[in-house]
């Protein structure tokens, strides 16, 4: 039974949530954008795959707002910040080394700039296991977060 769970987890973490090809992103990280909902300018400081679409984090004067591709317009201009480009890219296979003793491969499902450092969104637990664990709790249900932002030092690139 444990072997079946391990197989399920391995196939889940490497299953592309968006299908066979990564959908194009509307704007690049650090690109200046116009946010239609607030009629302000900001820059893209994060991208993550959520609810079957790319969700963009926009820094608007030190307030982080979240928007879909339909709520932003890219300008093509990049903001100059004292940070290097992210070392990893969306959809890249990595091994999460800081998550217990298991060193399973994961996909990068998001990238975010936090305090001038890049963090990467990876899935910690498959939704099937989260649902099973939540159903087993009857008296005090706990909300499980399947995803986590982790630093580059916690990830190892998988070379194909």
N, C-alpha and C. Protein backbone atom coordinates (compact mmCIF):
# COMPACT_ATOMS: atom_id res chain seq x y z
N UNK A 1 0.82 -1.20 0.00
CA UNK A 1 0.00 0.00 0.00
C UNK A 1 0.86 1.26 0.00
N UNK A 2 1.92 1.26 0.82
CA UNK A 2 2.81 2.42 0.88
C UNK A 2 3.48 2.63 -0.47
N UNK A 3 3.85 1.55 -1.15
CA UNK A 3 4.47 1.67 -2.47
C UNK A 3 3.51 2.31 -3.47
N UNK A 4 2.22 1.97 -3.39
CA UNK A 4 1.23 2.58 -4.27
C UNK A 4 1.11 4.08 -4.01
N UNK A 5 1.17 4.48 -2.74
CA UNK A 5 1.12 5.90 -2.41
C UNK A 5 2.34 6.61 -2.96
N UNK A 6 3.52 6.00 -2.85
CA UNK A 6 4.74 6.60 -3.40
C UNK A 6 4.65 6.76 -4.91
N UNK A 7 4.11 5.77 -5.59
CA UNK A 7 3.95 5.86 -7.05
C UNK A 7 2.97 6.97 -7.41
N UNK A 8 1.87 7.05 -6.67
CA UNK A 8 0.88 8.10 -6.90
C UNK A 8 1.51 9.49 -6.71
N UNK A 9 2.26 9.66 -5.62
CA UNK A 9 2.88 10.95 -5.36
C UNK A 9 3.89 11.31 -6.44
N UNK A 10 4.72 10.35 -6.84
CA UNK A 10 5.72 10.62 -7.87
C UNK A 10 5.07 11.05 -9.17
N UNK A 11 4.04 10.32 -9.59
CA UNK A 11 3.39 10.68 -10.86
C UNK A 11 2.64 12.01 -10.73
N UNK A 12 2.11 12.29 -9.53
CA UNK A 12 1.37 13.55 -9.36
C UNK A 12 2.30 14.74 -9.47
N UNK A 13 3.42 14.72 -8.76
CA UNK A 13 4.31 15.87 -8.73
C UNK A 13 4.90 16.19 -10.10
N UNK A 14 4.99 15.19 -10.95
CA UNK A 14 5.58 15.41 -12.27
C UNK A 14 4.52 15.51 -13.36
N UNK A 15 3.25 15.44 -13.00
CA UNK A 15 2.18 15.60 -13.97
C UNK A 15 1.99 17.09 -14.22
N UNK A 16 2.08 17.47 -15.47
CA UNK A 16 1.93 18.89 -15.79
C UNK A 16 0.50 19.32 -15.54
N UNK A 17 0.27 20.27 -14.62
CA UNK A 17 -1.10 20.67 -14.32
C UNK A 17 -1.78 21.40 -15.47
N UNK A 18 -0.99 21.86 -16.42
CA UNK A 18 -1.54 22.64 -17.54
C UNK A 18 -1.61 21.82 -18.82
N UNK A 19 -1.31 20.53 -18.76
CA UNK A 19 -1.35 19.69 -19.96
C UNK A 19 0.05 19.44 -20.49
N UNK A 20 0.16 19.20 -21.78
CA UNK A 20 1.46 18.83 -22.35
C UNK A 20 2.42 20.01 -22.53
N UNK A 21 1.89 21.19 -22.81
CA UNK A 21 2.77 22.35 -22.99
C UNK A 21 2.36 23.46 -22.02
N UNK A 22 3.35 24.18 -21.54
CA UNK A 22 3.09 25.28 -20.61
C UNK A 22 2.40 26.41 -21.37
N UNK A 23 1.25 26.88 -20.88
CA UNK A 23 0.59 28.02 -21.54
C UNK A 23 1.49 29.25 -21.46
N UNK A 24 1.45 30.09 -22.48
CA UNK A 24 2.30 31.28 -22.46
C UNK A 24 1.89 32.22 -21.33
N UNK A 25 2.87 32.92 -20.80
CA UNK A 25 2.57 33.92 -19.78
C UNK A 25 2.33 35.26 -20.46
N UNK A 26 1.51 36.08 -19.84
CA UNK A 26 1.12 37.37 -20.42
C UNK A 26 2.22 38.41 -20.28
N UNK A 27 2.88 38.42 -19.12
CA UNK A 27 3.96 39.37 -18.86
C UNK A 27 5.12 38.64 -18.20
N UNK A 28 6.29 39.21 -18.27
CA UNK A 28 7.47 38.63 -17.66
C UNK A 28 7.66 39.12 -16.23
N UNK A 29 8.44 38.38 -15.48
CA UNK A 29 8.80 38.85 -14.15
C UNK A 29 9.55 40.18 -14.28
N UNK A 30 9.27 41.10 -13.39
CA UNK A 30 9.85 42.45 -13.33
C UNK A 30 9.40 43.36 -14.47
N UNK A 31 8.40 42.93 -15.24
CA UNK A 31 7.87 43.78 -16.30
C UNK A 31 6.88 44.78 -15.71
N UNK A 32 6.98 46.01 -16.16
CA UNK A 32 6.03 47.05 -15.73
C UNK A 32 4.69 46.76 -16.39
N UNK A 33 3.62 46.81 -15.60
CA UNK A 33 2.29 46.49 -16.10
C UNK A 33 1.29 47.54 -15.65
N UNK A 34 0.21 47.61 -16.41
CA UNK A 34 -0.93 48.45 -16.03
C UNK A 34 -1.99 47.52 -15.50
N UNK A 35 -2.45 47.78 -14.29
CA UNK A 35 -3.48 46.97 -13.66
C UNK A 35 -4.83 47.63 -13.89
N UNK A 36 -5.65 46.99 -14.72
CA UNK A 36 -6.95 47.57 -15.11
C UNK A 36 -7.89 47.78 -13.93
N UNK A 37 -7.88 46.86 -12.98
CA UNK A 37 -8.84 46.93 -11.88
C UNK A 37 -8.64 48.14 -10.98
N UNK A 38 -7.40 48.55 -10.78
CA UNK A 38 -7.12 49.71 -9.92
C UNK A 38 -6.65 50.93 -10.71
N UNK A 39 -6.48 50.74 -12.02
CA UNK A 39 -6.01 51.81 -12.91
C UNK A 39 -4.68 52.41 -12.44
N UNK A 40 -3.77 51.51 -12.07
CA UNK A 40 -2.45 51.92 -11.63
C UNK A 40 -1.38 51.08 -12.32
N UNK A 41 -0.16 51.58 -12.24
CA UNK A 41 0.98 50.85 -12.77
C UNK A 41 1.70 50.15 -11.63
N UNK A 42 2.34 49.06 -11.95
CA UNK A 42 3.16 48.33 -11.01
C UNK A 42 4.09 47.44 -11.80
N UNK A 43 4.70 46.49 -11.14
CA UNK A 43 5.53 45.54 -11.87
C UNK A 43 5.25 44.13 -11.37
N UNK A 44 5.45 43.17 -12.25
CA UNK A 44 5.17 41.77 -11.95
C UNK A 44 6.28 41.22 -11.06
N UNK A 45 5.91 40.85 -9.85
CA UNK A 45 6.90 40.31 -8.91
C UNK A 45 6.65 38.83 -8.61
N UNK A 46 5.70 38.21 -9.33
CA UNK A 46 5.45 36.79 -9.12
C UNK A 46 4.44 36.24 -10.11
N UNK A 47 4.60 34.96 -10.42
CA UNK A 47 3.69 34.24 -11.31
C UNK A 47 3.48 32.86 -10.71
N UNK A 48 2.22 32.41 -10.67
CA UNK A 48 1.98 31.04 -10.21
C UNK A 48 0.77 30.45 -10.93
N UNK A 49 0.79 29.13 -11.09
CA UNK A 49 -0.32 28.41 -11.72
C UNK A 49 -1.35 28.13 -10.65
N UNK A 50 -2.53 28.70 -10.79
CA UNK A 50 -3.58 28.52 -9.79
C UNK A 50 -4.93 28.60 -10.47
N UNK A 51 -5.84 27.72 -10.09
CA UNK A 51 -7.20 27.68 -10.65
C UNK A 51 -7.18 27.61 -12.18
N UNK A 52 -6.29 26.77 -12.71
CA UNK A 52 -6.21 26.51 -14.15
C UNK A 52 -5.80 27.73 -14.99
N UNK A 53 -5.08 28.66 -14.38
CA UNK A 53 -4.60 29.83 -15.12
C UNK A 53 -3.37 30.40 -14.41
N UNK A 54 -2.65 31.26 -15.10
CA UNK A 54 -1.53 31.97 -14.47
C UNK A 54 -2.10 33.10 -13.63
N UNK A 55 -1.63 33.21 -12.41
CA UNK A 55 -2.01 34.30 -11.52
C UNK A 55 -0.76 35.13 -11.30
N UNK A 56 -0.88 36.44 -11.53
CA UNK A 56 0.26 37.34 -11.45
C UNK A 56 0.21 38.15 -10.16
N UNK A 57 1.35 38.29 -9.51
CA UNK A 57 1.48 39.16 -8.34
C UNK A 57 2.07 40.47 -8.84
N UNK A 58 1.38 41.56 -8.56
CA UNK A 58 1.79 42.87 -9.05
C UNK A 58 2.11 43.76 -7.86
N UNK A 59 3.32 44.30 -7.85
CA UNK A 59 3.74 45.24 -6.80
C UNK A 59 3.33 46.64 -7.24
N UNK A 60 2.34 47.19 -6.56
CA UNK A 60 1.85 48.54 -6.83
C UNK A 60 2.17 49.41 -5.62
N UNK A 61 3.29 50.09 -5.70
CA UNK A 61 3.73 50.95 -4.59
C UNK A 61 3.77 50.19 -3.27
N UNK A 62 4.47 49.07 -3.28
CA UNK A 62 4.68 48.23 -2.09
C UNK A 62 3.43 47.53 -1.58
N UNK A 63 2.37 47.50 -2.36
CA UNK A 63 1.20 46.70 -2.06
C UNK A 63 1.13 45.62 -3.13
N UNK A 64 1.06 44.36 -2.72
CA UNK A 64 1.02 43.26 -3.68
C UNK A 64 -0.44 42.93 -4.00
N UNK A 65 -0.80 43.06 -5.29
CA UNK A 65 -2.13 42.71 -5.75
C UNK A 65 -2.02 41.52 -6.69
N UNK A 66 -3.08 40.71 -6.76
CA UNK A 66 -3.07 39.52 -7.61
C UNK A 66 -4.05 39.73 -8.75
N UNK A 67 -3.64 39.31 -9.95
CA UNK A 67 -4.46 39.54 -11.13
C UNK A 67 -4.29 38.41 -12.13
N UNK A 68 -5.30 38.23 -12.96
CA UNK A 68 -5.22 37.29 -14.07
C UNK A 68 -4.73 38.04 -15.31
N UNK A 69 -4.52 37.31 -16.38
CA UNK A 69 -4.03 37.94 -17.61
C UNK A 69 -5.00 38.96 -18.18
N UNK A 70 -6.28 38.83 -17.88
CA UNK A 70 -7.29 39.74 -18.40
C UNK A 70 -7.35 41.05 -17.62
N UNK A 71 -6.68 41.09 -16.48
CA UNK A 71 -6.71 42.28 -15.64
C UNK A 71 -5.45 43.12 -15.75
N UNK A 72 -4.50 42.69 -16.58
CA UNK A 72 -3.24 43.44 -16.71
C UNK A 72 -2.90 43.68 -18.17
N UNK A 73 -2.12 44.71 -18.39
CA UNK A 73 -1.58 45.00 -19.72
C UNK A 73 -0.07 45.20 -19.55
N UNK A 74 0.71 44.41 -20.24
CA UNK A 74 2.16 44.54 -20.17
C UNK A 74 2.65 45.71 -20.98
N UNK A 75 3.71 46.37 -20.50
CA UNK A 75 4.28 47.50 -21.22
C UNK A 75 5.53 47.12 -22.00
N UNK A 76 6.11 45.97 -21.66
CA UNK A 76 7.35 45.57 -22.32
C UNK A 76 8.58 46.13 -21.64
N UNK A 77 8.41 47.06 -20.71
CA UNK A 77 9.53 47.65 -19.98
C UNK A 77 9.82 46.84 -18.73
N UNK A 78 11.10 46.58 -18.48
CA UNK A 78 11.49 45.86 -17.28
C UNK A 78 11.92 46.86 -16.21
N UNK A 79 11.54 46.59 -14.98
CA UNK A 79 11.94 47.40 -13.84
C UNK A 79 13.34 46.98 -13.43
N UNK A 80 14.19 47.95 -13.13
CA UNK A 80 15.54 47.65 -12.70
C UNK A 80 15.58 47.53 -11.19
N UNK A 81 15.89 46.35 -10.72
CA UNK A 81 16.03 46.09 -9.29
C UNK A 81 17.39 45.45 -9.05
N UNK A 82 17.92 45.58 -7.83
CA UNK A 82 19.24 45.00 -7.55
C UNK A 82 19.19 43.50 -7.27
N UNK A 83 18.50 42.76 -8.14
CA UNK A 83 18.41 41.31 -7.98
C UNK A 83 18.74 40.65 -9.31
N UNK A 84 19.43 39.50 -9.27
CA UNK A 84 19.69 38.77 -10.52
C UNK A 84 18.41 38.09 -10.99
N UNK A 85 18.44 37.61 -12.21
CA UNK A 85 17.29 36.86 -12.74
C UNK A 85 17.09 35.60 -11.91
N UNK A 86 15.86 35.06 -11.89
CA UNK A 86 15.65 33.79 -11.17
C UNK A 86 16.51 32.68 -11.79
N UNK A 87 17.02 31.80 -10.95
CA UNK A 87 17.89 30.71 -11.41
C UNK A 87 17.09 29.58 -12.05
N UNK A 88 15.80 29.46 -11.68
CA UNK A 88 14.96 28.38 -12.18
C UNK A 88 13.80 28.98 -12.96
N UNK A 89 13.15 28.17 -13.78
CA UNK A 89 12.06 28.66 -14.62
C UNK A 89 10.78 27.87 -14.36
N UNK A 90 9.66 28.44 -14.75
CA UNK A 90 8.37 27.78 -14.60
C UNK A 90 8.37 26.44 -15.33
N UNK A 91 7.84 25.42 -14.69
CA UNK A 91 7.75 24.09 -15.30
C UNK A 91 9.01 23.26 -15.20
N UNK A 92 10.08 23.80 -14.65
CA UNK A 92 11.33 23.07 -14.55
C UNK A 92 11.23 21.99 -13.48
N UNK A 93 11.87 20.84 -13.73
CA UNK A 93 11.91 19.75 -12.76
C UNK A 93 13.03 20.01 -11.76
N UNK A 94 12.69 19.85 -10.49
CA UNK A 94 13.67 20.03 -9.41
C UNK A 94 13.46 18.94 -8.36
N UNK A 95 14.44 18.79 -7.51
CA UNK A 95 14.31 17.93 -6.35
C UNK A 95 14.27 18.83 -5.13
N UNK A 96 13.24 18.64 -4.31
CA UNK A 96 13.09 19.40 -3.08
C UNK A 96 13.88 18.68 -1.99
N UNK A 97 15.01 19.25 -1.60
CA UNK A 97 15.90 18.58 -0.66
C UNK A 97 15.56 18.87 0.79
N UNK A 98 14.78 19.89 1.05
CA UNK A 98 14.54 20.29 2.43
C UNK A 98 13.25 19.71 3.01
N UNK A 99 12.60 18.81 2.31
CA UNK A 99 11.30 18.28 2.75
C UNK A 99 11.47 16.87 3.30
N UNK A 100 11.95 16.77 4.53
CA UNK A 100 12.10 15.46 5.17
C UNK A 100 13.15 14.62 4.48
N UNK A 101 12.96 13.32 4.55
CA UNK A 101 13.93 12.40 3.97
C UNK A 101 13.65 12.06 2.52
N UNK A 102 12.45 12.42 2.04
CA UNK A 102 12.15 12.09 0.64
C UNK A 102 12.68 13.18 -0.26
N UNK A 103 13.33 12.78 -1.31
CA UNK A 103 13.89 13.73 -2.27
C UNK A 103 13.20 13.52 -3.61
N UNK A 104 11.89 13.70 -3.62
CA UNK A 104 11.11 13.47 -4.83
C UNK A 104 11.23 14.66 -5.78
N UNK A 105 11.12 14.36 -7.05
CA UNK A 105 11.11 15.42 -8.05
C UNK A 105 9.81 16.19 -7.99
N UNK A 106 9.89 17.47 -8.25
CA UNK A 106 8.73 18.36 -8.28
C UNK A 106 8.85 19.25 -9.51
N UNK A 107 7.77 19.97 -9.82
CA UNK A 107 7.79 20.98 -10.87
C UNK A 107 7.71 22.36 -10.23
N UNK A 108 8.38 23.32 -10.84
CA UNK A 108 8.25 24.71 -10.41
C UNK A 108 6.92 25.21 -10.95
N UNK A 109 5.98 25.53 -10.06
CA UNK A 109 4.65 25.98 -10.45
C UNK A 109 4.47 27.48 -10.24
N UNK A 110 5.50 28.14 -9.75
CA UNK A 110 5.42 29.58 -9.55
C UNK A 110 6.75 30.14 -9.11
N UNK A 111 6.92 31.43 -9.33
CA UNK A 111 8.13 32.15 -8.94
C UNK A 111 7.69 33.47 -8.33
N UNK A 112 8.32 33.85 -7.20
CA UNK A 112 7.94 35.11 -6.56
C UNK A 112 9.18 35.80 -6.00
N UNK A 113 9.17 37.11 -6.10
CA UNK A 113 10.23 37.93 -5.53
C UNK A 113 9.77 38.38 -4.14
N UNK A 114 10.50 37.97 -3.11
CA UNK A 114 10.16 38.31 -1.73
C UNK A 114 11.41 38.89 -1.08
N UNK A 115 11.33 40.14 -0.65
CA UNK A 115 12.47 40.81 -0.01
C UNK A 115 13.76 40.66 -0.83
N UNK A 116 13.66 40.94 -2.11
CA UNK A 116 14.79 40.91 -3.04
C UNK A 116 15.43 39.54 -3.21
N UNK A 117 14.69 38.47 -2.95
CA UNK A 117 15.15 37.11 -3.19
C UNK A 117 14.06 36.34 -3.92
N UNK A 118 14.48 35.47 -4.83
CA UNK A 118 13.52 34.67 -5.59
C UNK A 118 13.15 33.42 -4.80
N UNK A 119 11.85 33.12 -4.78
CA UNK A 119 11.34 31.90 -4.17
C UNK A 119 10.52 31.17 -5.22
N UNK A 120 10.44 29.86 -5.05
CA UNK A 120 9.81 29.01 -6.05
C UNK A 120 8.68 28.22 -5.42
N UNK A 121 7.54 28.17 -6.11
CA UNK A 121 6.37 27.45 -5.62
C UNK A 121 6.44 26.00 -6.08
N UNK A 122 6.42 25.09 -5.12
CA UNK A 122 6.39 23.66 -5.41
C UNK A 122 5.27 23.02 -4.60
N UNK A 123 4.82 21.89 -5.08
CA UNK A 123 3.75 21.17 -4.40
C UNK A 123 4.37 20.21 -3.39
N UNK A 124 3.90 20.28 -2.15
CA UNK A 124 4.43 19.41 -1.10
C UNK A 124 3.67 18.11 -0.99
N UNK A 125 2.35 18.17 -1.14
CA UNK A 125 1.50 17.00 -0.96
C UNK A 125 0.48 16.95 -2.09
N UNK A 126 0.23 15.77 -2.61
CA UNK A 126 -0.75 15.64 -3.69
C UNK A 126 -2.15 15.93 -3.16
N UNK A 127 -3.05 16.46 -3.99
CA UNK A 127 -4.39 16.79 -3.51
C UNK A 127 -5.18 15.57 -3.06
N UNK A 128 -4.90 14.40 -3.62
CA UNK A 128 -5.58 13.18 -3.21
C UNK A 128 -5.27 12.85 -1.76
N UNK A 129 -4.00 13.00 -1.38
CA UNK A 129 -3.61 12.70 0.00
C UNK A 129 -4.14 13.76 0.96
N UNK A 130 -4.19 15.00 0.54
CA UNK A 130 -4.72 16.07 1.38
C UNK A 130 -6.20 15.82 1.64
N UNK A 131 -6.95 15.46 0.59
CA UNK A 131 -8.37 15.19 0.72
C UNK A 131 -8.61 14.00 1.64
N UNK A 132 -7.82 12.94 1.49
CA UNK A 132 -7.96 11.76 2.35
C UNK A 132 -7.69 12.11 3.80
N UNK A 133 -6.66 12.91 4.05
CA UNK A 133 -6.32 13.30 5.42
C UNK A 133 -7.41 14.18 6.01
N UNK A 134 -7.95 15.10 5.21
CA UNK A 134 -8.99 16.00 5.70
C UNK A 134 -10.28 15.23 6.01
N UNK A 135 -10.60 14.22 5.21
CA UNK A 135 -11.81 13.43 5.45
C UNK A 135 -11.68 12.59 6.72
N UNK A 136 -10.45 12.22 7.08
CA UNK A 136 -10.22 11.43 8.28
C UNK A 136 -10.38 12.24 9.55
N UNK A 137 -10.36 13.55 9.44
CA UNK A 137 -10.52 14.41 10.61
C UNK A 137 -12.00 14.73 10.79
N UNK A 138 -12.54 14.40 11.94
CA UNK A 138 -13.96 14.65 12.15
C UNK A 138 -14.22 15.79 13.12
N UNK A 139 -13.45 15.88 14.20
CA UNK A 139 -13.73 16.88 15.21
C UNK A 139 -13.14 18.25 14.89
N UNK A 140 -11.90 18.29 14.49
CA UNK A 140 -11.26 19.59 14.24
C UNK A 140 -10.53 19.56 12.90
N UNK A 141 -11.25 19.86 11.82
CA UNK A 141 -10.61 19.82 10.50
C UNK A 141 -9.49 20.86 10.41
N UNK A 142 -8.43 20.47 9.78
CA UNK A 142 -7.28 21.33 9.59
C UNK A 142 -7.17 21.68 8.12
N UNK A 143 -6.82 22.90 7.83
CA UNK A 143 -6.62 23.29 6.44
C UNK A 143 -5.18 22.98 6.07
N UNK A 144 -5.01 22.17 5.04
CA UNK A 144 -3.70 21.79 4.58
C UNK A 144 -3.31 22.67 3.40
N UNK A 145 -2.10 23.17 3.42
CA UNK A 145 -1.58 23.91 2.28
C UNK A 145 -0.68 22.96 1.50
N UNK A 146 -1.08 22.63 0.28
CA UNK A 146 -0.32 21.69 -0.53
C UNK A 146 0.94 22.31 -1.11
N UNK A 147 1.00 23.63 -1.18
CA UNK A 147 2.08 24.31 -1.87
C UNK A 147 2.94 25.10 -0.89
N UNK A 148 4.18 25.33 -1.28
CA UNK A 148 5.08 26.11 -0.44
C UNK A 148 6.05 26.88 -1.31
N UNK A 149 6.38 28.09 -0.86
CA UNK A 149 7.46 28.85 -1.49
C UNK A 149 8.76 28.44 -0.83
N UNK A 150 9.71 28.02 -1.62
CA UNK A 150 11.01 27.60 -1.08
C UNK A 150 12.12 28.34 -1.81
N UNK A 151 13.23 28.51 -1.12
CA UNK A 151 14.38 29.18 -1.71
C UNK A 151 15.16 28.27 -2.64
N UNK A 152 16.01 28.89 -3.43
CA UNK A 152 16.82 28.14 -4.39
C UNK A 152 17.72 27.12 -3.71
N UNK A 153 18.19 27.42 -2.50
CA UNK A 153 19.09 26.51 -1.80
C UNK A 153 18.41 25.19 -1.42
N UNK A 154 17.09 25.18 -1.39
CA UNK A 154 16.35 23.96 -1.05
C UNK A 154 16.01 23.12 -2.26
N UNK A 155 16.41 23.57 -3.44
CA UNK A 155 16.07 22.89 -4.68
C UNK A 155 17.33 22.51 -5.46
N UNK A 156 17.27 21.37 -6.10
CA UNK A 156 18.35 20.92 -6.97
C UNK A 156 17.76 20.70 -8.35
N UNK A 157 18.38 21.26 -9.36
CA UNK A 157 17.94 21.11 -10.74
C UNK A 157 18.05 19.66 -11.19
N UNK A 158 17.05 19.20 -11.93
CA UNK A 158 17.10 17.86 -12.50
C UNK A 158 17.53 18.02 -13.95
N UNK A 159 18.68 17.46 -14.27
CA UNK A 159 19.18 17.53 -15.64
C UNK A 159 18.62 16.38 -16.44
N UNK A 160 18.04 16.70 -17.59
CA UNK A 160 17.45 15.66 -18.44
C UNK A 160 18.47 15.05 -19.36
